[in-house]
Amino acid sequence: TLKECKKEEKADREFQKKFKFEGSINVLTQMMVDPAATEKSGGGKNLPLRRGEILDVIQFTNQEQILCRNSQRRYGYVPRAVMLQL
């Protein structure tokens, strides 16, 4: 719906501002949070982690972290150590 579209656009703009992300937001791949990983509440720029959750990968930022988006369109960093290929 139009209301959902506007809400998604707003979330994307806030993400670009918070993370100083330039250009369009493209999903590179999808990865799963390791079912054996410890769940974390997130905070700051970190995404909350839930076991077995499928995340959209937006950017491979460095050797330790990946910039991801969850199913609620929330963005944040996730440790590479807890991510599995689908």
Protein backbone atom coordinates (compact mmCIF):
# COMPACT_ATOMS: atom_id res chain seq x y z
CA THR A 1 0.00 0.00 0.00
CA LEU A 2 0.99 3.65 -0.31
CA LYS A 3 1.30 4.05 3.46
CA GLU A 4 3.70 1.08 3.71
CA CYS A 5 5.75 2.41 0.77
CA LYS A 6 6.18 5.80 2.43
CA LYS A 7 7.15 4.11 5.71
CA GLU A 8 9.79 2.01 3.91
CA GLU A 9 11.18 5.07 2.11
CA LYS A 10 11.44 6.93 5.43
CA ALA A 11 13.26 3.98 7.05
CA ASP A 12 15.68 3.85 4.11
CA ARG A 13 16.40 7.60 4.34
CA GLU A 14 17.04 7.34 8.09
CA PHE A 15 19.39 4.41 7.46
CA GLN A 16 21.35 6.36 4.84
CA LYS A 17 21.71 9.31 7.21
CA LYS A 18 22.68 7.23 10.28
CA PHE A 19 25.23 5.06 8.48
CA LYS A 20 26.41 7.75 6.00
CA PHE A 21 25.45 5.35 3.20
CA GLU A 22 25.70 6.81 -0.30
CA GLY A 23 23.71 5.63 -3.32
CA SER A 24 20.90 3.15 -3.65
CA ILE A 25 20.31 0.32 -1.19
CA ASN A 26 20.90 -3.00 -2.93
CA VAL A 27 20.63 -6.43 -1.35
CA LEU A 28 23.82 -8.34 -2.19
CA THR A 29 22.73 -11.68 -0.76
CA GLN A 30 20.87 -13.23 2.15
CA MET A 31 22.51 -14.94 5.10
CA MET A 32 21.24 -16.68 8.22
CA VAL A 33 22.15 -16.00 11.83
CA ASP A 34 23.74 -19.17 13.24
CA PRO A 35 21.07 -21.14 15.19
CA ALA A 36 23.75 -21.86 17.84
CA ALA A 37 24.63 -18.15 18.26
CA THR A 38 23.82 -16.20 21.39
CA GLU A 39 20.87 -13.86 20.89
CA LYS A 40 21.71 -10.20 21.41
CA SER A 41 19.44 -7.19 21.85
CA GLY A 42 21.54 -4.89 19.65
CA GLY A 43 21.83 -1.20 20.34
CA GLY A 44 23.70 1.70 18.82
CA LYS A 45 24.43 0.69 15.25
CA ASN A 46 24.21 -3.06 15.96
CA LEU A 47 21.24 -5.09 14.77
CA PRO A 48 19.42 -7.29 17.32
CA LEU A 49 20.23 -10.96 16.67
CA ARG A 50 17.73 -13.79 16.68
CA ARG A 51 18.79 -17.37 16.07
CA GLY A 52 17.99 -18.67 12.61
CA GLU A 53 16.84 -15.27 11.32
CA ILE A 54 17.38 -14.58 7.60
CA LEU A 55 19.00 -11.17 6.97
CA ASP A 56 19.50 -9.15 3.79
CA VAL A 57 23.18 -8.26 3.33
CA ILE A 58 23.56 -4.61 2.25
CA GLN A 59 27.35 -4.26 2.50
CA PHE A 60 30.37 -6.32 3.53
CA THR A 61 31.95 -3.54 5.60
CA ASN A 62 35.10 -5.20 6.98
CA GLN A 63 36.53 -8.52 8.21
CA GLU A 64 34.48 -8.45 11.42
CA GLN A 65 31.09 -6.95 10.50
CA ILE A 66 28.40 -6.99 7.82
CA LEU A 67 25.77 -4.29 7.32
CA CYS A 68 22.38 -6.03 7.23
CA ARG A 69 18.61 -5.43 7.19
CA ASN A 70 16.12 -7.63 9.03
CA SER A 71 12.51 -8.46 8.18
CA GLN A 72 11.25 -5.40 10.11
CA ARG A 73 13.40 -3.17 7.78
CA ARG A 74 15.76 -2.31 10.63
CA TYR A 75 19.40 -1.85 9.67
CA GLY A 76 22.59 -2.47 11.59
CA TYR A 77 25.91 -4.21 11.88
CA VAL A 78 26.13 -7.96 12.51
CA PRO A 79 29.32 -9.88 13.42
CA ARG A 80 30.52 -12.07 10.54
CA ALA A 81 31.28 -14.84 13.03
CA VAL A 82 27.56 -15.55 13.60
CA MET A 83 26.51 -15.49 9.92
CA LEU A 84 26.00 -18.57 7.74
CA GLN A 85 25.59 -18.83 3.97
CA LEU A 86 22.17 -20.05 2.81
